[in-house]
Amino acid sequence: MAIIQKFDLQKGLIFVVWQGTVTAQEWFRYAHKLTSDSTWTTASRVLADLLSVQSTSSIQNQEIDQAVEIFSANRAGLVGKKLAVLARDEFGKARRFGEYLSHFGTSSVVFNNLDTACLFLGVDILYAYRMLDSMHGQSQSD
């Protein structure tokens, strides 16, 4: 799978990693799965790592708008949430997505550096590195 996640219920944190090619349809399926999980509304922070994604060519403005519709269907899950996205090539797309989510009470910032993203979220940097490293290893072995 091109999108994987780990929940840390104790810290109210969701880690998400995108790798390889992520299509719009995969993103939509993932968004439905995530927002229907009861943990979604209780987690106050999300760290999404898009640094390993190779292609999101099927995701354009229309698909971003559609993903926002999916996430905003569960508005209670967006209010007060902090979203930090790590991105390089996908920076503009991630920023557009975050700007739309801000209309529903989510604070979203796109970063190109994990250390700064962790400061924004109030997450221990070494912990975040370990979690993301394990997820990258998991996705490569799947």
C-alpha atoms as a PDB file:
ATOM      1  CA  MET A   1       0.000   0.000   0.000  1.00  0.00           C
ATOM      2  CA  ALA A   2       1.269   3.459  -0.852  1.00  0.00           C
ATOM      3  CA  ILE A   3      -0.229   5.079   2.282  1.00  0.00           C
ATOM      4  CA  ILE A   4       0.342   3.659   5.751  1.00  0.00           C
ATOM      5  CA  GLN A   5      -0.489   5.000   9.196  1.00  0.00           C
ATOM      6  CA  LYS A   6       0.224   4.426  12.859  1.00  0.00           C
ATOM      7  CA  PHE A   7      -1.830   5.727  15.741  1.00  0.00           C
ATOM      8  CA  ASP A   8      -0.308   6.674  19.076  1.00  0.00           C
ATOM      9  CA  LEU A   9      -3.441   6.872  21.198  1.00  0.00           C
ATOM     10  CA  GLN A  10      -1.569   7.904  24.318  1.00  0.00           C
ATOM     11  CA  LYS A  11      -0.048  10.932  22.594  1.00  0.00           C
ATOM     12  CA  GLY A  12      -3.112  11.714  20.462  1.00  0.00           C
ATOM     13  CA  LEU A  13      -0.959  11.488  17.367  1.00  0.00           C
ATOM     14  CA  ILE A  14      -1.335   9.937  13.928  1.00  0.00           C
ATOM     15  CA  PHE A  15       1.679   9.255  11.724  1.00  0.00           C
ATOM     16  CA  VAL A  16       1.054   8.912   7.981  1.00  0.00           C
ATOM     17  CA  VAL A  17       3.586   7.970   5.294  1.00  0.00           C
ATOM     18  CA  TRP A  18       3.076   8.212   1.549  1.00  0.00           C
ATOM     19  CA  GLN A  19       5.517   6.236  -0.605  1.00  0.00           C
ATOM     20  CA  GLY A  20       5.906   5.394  -4.259  1.00  0.00           C
ATOM     21  CA  THR A  21       2.978   6.323  -6.460  1.00  0.00           C
ATOM     22  CA  VAL A  22      -0.162   7.488  -4.695  1.00  0.00           C
ATOM     23  CA  THR A  23      -3.237   7.786  -6.886  1.00  0.00           C
ATOM     24  CA  ALA A  24      -6.258   9.931  -6.171  1.00  0.00           C
ATOM     25  CA  GLN A  25      -8.367   6.790  -5.710  1.00  0.00           C
ATOM     26  CA  GLU A  26      -5.928   5.420  -3.107  1.00  0.00           C
ATOM     27  CA  TRP A  27      -6.024   8.736  -1.264  1.00  0.00           C
ATOM     28  CA  PHE A  28      -9.825   8.794  -1.281  1.00  0.00           C
ATOM     29  CA  ARG A  29     -10.028   5.211   0.040  1.00  0.00           C
ATOM     30  CA  TYR A  30      -7.492   6.066   2.726  1.00  0.00           C
ATOM     31  CA  ALA A  31      -9.359   9.266   3.693  1.00  0.00           C
ATOM     32  CA  HIS A  32     -12.630   7.365   4.112  1.00  0.00           C
ATOM     33  CA  LYS A  33     -10.883   4.703   6.203  1.00  0.00           C
ATOM     34  CA  LEU A  34      -9.103   7.254   8.403  1.00  0.00           C
ATOM     35  CA  THR A  35     -12.068   9.538   9.036  1.00  0.00           C
ATOM     36  CA  SER A  36     -14.358   6.620   9.865  1.00  0.00           C
ATOM     37  CA  ASP A  37     -11.935   5.352  12.532  1.00  0.00           C
ATOM     38  CA  SER A  38     -12.999   6.438  16.036  1.00  0.00           C
ATOM     39  CA  THR A  39      -9.414   7.440  16.772  1.00  0.00           C
ATOM     40  CA  TRP A  40      -9.595  10.156  14.113  1.00  0.00           C
ATOM     41  CA  THR A  41     -11.751  12.443  16.245  1.00  0.00           C
ATOM     42  CA  THR A  42      -9.688  11.918  19.399  1.00  0.00           C
ATOM     43  CA  ALA A  43      -6.249  12.474  17.836  1.00  0.00           C
ATOM     44  CA  SER A  44      -5.256  16.114  18.067  1.00  0.00           C
ATOM     45  CA  ARG A  45      -2.143  15.941  15.866  1.00  0.00           C
ATOM     46  CA  VAL A  46      -1.203  14.430  12.517  1.00  0.00           C
ATOM     47  CA  LEU A  47       2.280  14.138  11.033  1.00  0.00           C
ATOM     48  CA  ALA A  48       2.145  13.246   7.334  1.00  0.00           C
ATOM     49  CA  ASP A  49       5.413  12.375   5.572  1.00  0.00           C
ATOM     50  CA  LEU A  50       5.198  12.791   1.794  1.00  0.00           C
ATOM     51  CA  LEU A  51       8.963  12.935   1.276  1.00  0.00           C
ATOM     52  CA  SER A  52       9.163   9.420  -0.217  1.00  0.00           C
ATOM     53  CA  VAL A  53       6.278   9.787  -2.634  1.00  0.00           C
ATOM     54  CA  GLN A  54       7.412   9.478  -6.231  1.00  0.00           C
ATOM     55  CA  SER A  55       4.243  10.441  -8.059  1.00  0.00           C
ATOM     56  CA  THR A  56       0.882  11.986  -7.321  1.00  0.00           C
ATOM     57  CA  SER A  57       0.193  12.900 -10.931  1.00  0.00           C
ATOM     58  CA  SER A  58      -3.455  11.817 -10.692  1.00  0.00           C
ATOM     59  CA  ILE A  59      -4.000  14.266  -7.820  1.00  0.00           C
ATOM     60  CA  GLN A  60      -4.786  17.733  -9.099  1.00  0.00           C
ATOM     61  CA  ASN A  61      -6.932  20.591  -7.754  1.00  0.00           C
ATOM     62  CA  GLN A  62     -10.217  18.775  -8.408  1.00  0.00           C
ATOM     63  CA  GLU A  63      -9.002  15.692  -6.494  1.00  0.00           C
ATOM     64  CA  ILE A  64      -7.744  17.851  -3.619  1.00  0.00           C
ATOM     65  CA  ASP A  65     -11.200  19.436  -3.433  1.00  0.00           C
ATOM     66  CA  GLN A  66     -12.783  15.971  -3.374  1.00  0.00           C
ATOM     67  CA  ALA A  67     -10.446  14.835  -0.566  1.00  0.00           C
ATOM     68  CA  VAL A  68     -11.370  17.930   1.444  1.00  0.00           C
ATOM     69  CA  GLU A  69     -15.034  16.953   1.047  1.00  0.00           C
ATOM     70  CA  ILE A  70     -14.257  13.508   2.447  1.00  0.00           C
ATOM     71  CA  PHE A  71     -12.361  14.899   5.435  1.00  0.00           C
ATOM     72  CA  SER A  72     -14.904  17.650   6.116  1.00  0.00           C
ATOM     73  CA  ALA A  73     -17.772  15.146   6.227  1.00  0.00           C
ATOM     74  CA  ASN A  74     -16.535  14.438   9.769  1.00  0.00           C
ATOM     75  CA  ARG A  75     -16.098  18.049  10.878  1.00  0.00           C
ATOM     76  CA  ALA A  76     -15.719  17.103  14.542  1.00  0.00           C
ATOM     77  CA  GLY A  77     -12.495  15.354  13.569  1.00  0.00           C
ATOM     78  CA  LEU A  78     -11.034  18.565  12.115  1.00  0.00           C
ATOM     79  CA  VAL A  79     -11.783  21.121  14.825  1.00  0.00           C
ATOM     80  CA  GLY A  80      -8.641  21.942  16.813  1.00  0.00           C
ATOM     81  CA  LYS A  81      -6.490  19.410  14.972  1.00  0.00           C
ATOM     82  CA  LYS A  82      -2.884  20.261  14.044  1.00  0.00           C
ATOM     83  CA  LEU A  83      -1.555  18.865  10.780  1.00  0.00           C
ATOM     84  CA  ALA A  84       2.132  18.969   9.846  1.00  0.00           C
ATOM     85  CA  VAL A  85       2.999  17.771   6.346  1.00  0.00           C
ATOM     86  CA  LEU A  86       6.542  17.000   5.211  1.00  0.00           C
ATOM     87  CA  ALA A  87       6.833  17.618   1.476  1.00  0.00           C
ATOM     88  CA  ARG A  88       9.161  18.723  -1.272  1.00  0.00           C
ATOM     89  CA  ASP A  89       7.718  18.196  -4.761  1.00  0.00           C
ATOM     90  CA  GLU A  90       4.189  17.953  -3.344  1.00  0.00           C
ATOM     91  CA  PHE A  91       4.550  21.167  -1.312  1.00  0.00           C
ATOM     92  CA  GLY A  92       1.981  23.169  -3.312  1.00  0.00           C
ATOM     93  CA  LYS A  93      -0.623  20.411  -3.305  1.00  0.00           C
ATOM     94  CA  ALA A  94      -0.186  19.839   0.429  1.00  0.00           C
ATOM     95  CA  ARG A  95      -0.466  23.551   1.102  1.00  0.00           C
ATOM     96  CA  ARG A  96      -3.696  23.824  -0.890  1.00  0.00           C
ATOM     97  CA  PHE A  97      -5.161  20.865   1.006  1.00  0.00           C
ATOM     98  CA  GLY A  98      -4.165  22.400   4.348  1.00  0.00           C
ATOM     99  CA  GLU A  99      -5.595  25.804   3.468  1.00  0.00           C
ATOM    100  CA  TYR A 100      -8.975  24.222   2.749  1.00  0.00           C
ATOM    101  CA  LEU A 101      -8.905  22.225   5.985  1.00  0.00           C
ATOM    102  CA  SER A 102      -8.256  25.449   7.904  1.00  0.00           C
ATOM    103  CA  HIS A 103     -11.843  26.480   7.103  1.00  0.00           C
ATOM    104  CA  PHE A 104     -12.933  23.633   9.383  1.00  0.00           C
ATOM    105  CA  GLY A 105     -10.686  24.512  12.343  1.00  0.00           C
ATOM    106  CA  THR A 106      -7.517  22.603  11.472  1.00  0.00           C
ATOM    107  CA  SER A 107      -4.116  24.290  11.779  1.00  0.00           C
ATOM    108  CA  SER A 108      -2.014  23.005   8.904  1.00  0.00           C
ATOM    109  CA  VAL A 109       1.572  23.810   7.957  1.00  0.00           C
ATOM    110  CA  VAL A 110       3.730  22.232   5.257  1.00  0.00           C
ATOM    111  CA  PHE A 111       7.389  21.734   6.132  1.00  0.00           C
ATOM    112  CA  ASN A 112      10.448  20.387   4.350  1.00  0.00           C
ATOM    113  CA  ASN A 113      12.148  19.522   7.648  1.00  0.00           C
ATOM    114  CA  LEU A 114      11.004  17.029  10.287  1.00  0.00           C
ATOM    115  CA  ASP A 115      12.618  18.936  13.154  1.00  0.00           C
ATOM    116  CA  THR A 116      10.536  22.045  12.468  1.00  0.00           C
ATOM    117  CA  ALA A 117       7.366  20.005  11.968  1.00  0.00           C
ATOM    118  CA  CYS A 118       7.926  18.391  15.370  1.00  0.00           C
ATOM    119  CA  LEU A 119       8.303  21.798  17.011  1.00  0.00           C
ATOM    120  CA  PHE A 120       4.991  22.878  15.485  1.00  0.00           C
ATOM    121  CA  LEU A 121       3.244  19.734  16.746  1.00  0.00           C
ATOM    122  CA  GLY A 122       4.999  19.593  20.107  1.00  0.00           C
ATOM    123  CA  VAL A 123       6.352  16.120  19.347  1.00  0.00           C
ATOM    124  CA  ASP A 124       9.696  14.730  20.501  1.00  0.00           C
ATOM    125  CA  ILE A 125      11.984  14.788  17.463  1.00  0.00           C
ATOM    126  CA  LEU A 126      13.786  11.509  18.197  1.00  0.00           C
ATOM    127  CA  TYR A 127      10.469   9.753  18.770  1.00  0.00           C
ATOM    128  CA  ALA A 128       9.152  11.031  15.424  1.00  0.00           C
ATOM    129  CA  TYR A 129      12.308   9.920  13.604  1.00  0.00           C
ATOM    130  CA  ARG A 130      11.997   6.425  15.097  1.00  0.00           C
ATOM    131  CA  MET A 131       8.310   6.140  14.214  1.00  0.00           C
ATOM    132  CA  LEU A 132       8.778   7.310  10.634  1.00  0.00           C
ATOM    133  CA  ASP A 133      11.851   5.110  10.144  1.00  0.00           C
ATOM    134  CA  SER A 134       9.901   2.061  11.318  1.00  0.00           C
ATOM    135  CA  MET A 135       7.035   2.935   8.986  1.00  0.00           C
ATOM    136  CA  HIS A 136       9.336   3.360   6.015  1.00  0.00           C
ATOM    137  CA  GLY A 137      10.850  -0.036   6.827  1.00  0.00           C
ATOM    138  CA  GLN A 138       7.367  -1.549   7.189  1.00  0.00           C
ATOM    139  CA  SER A 139       6.152  -0.202   3.871  1.00  0.00           C
ATOM    140  CA  GLN A 140       9.237  -1.471   2.050  1.00  0.00           C
ATOM    141  CA  SER A 141       8.759  -4.970   3.457  1.00  0.00           C
ATOM    142  CA  ASP A 142       5.001  -5.111   2.631  1.00  0.00           C
END
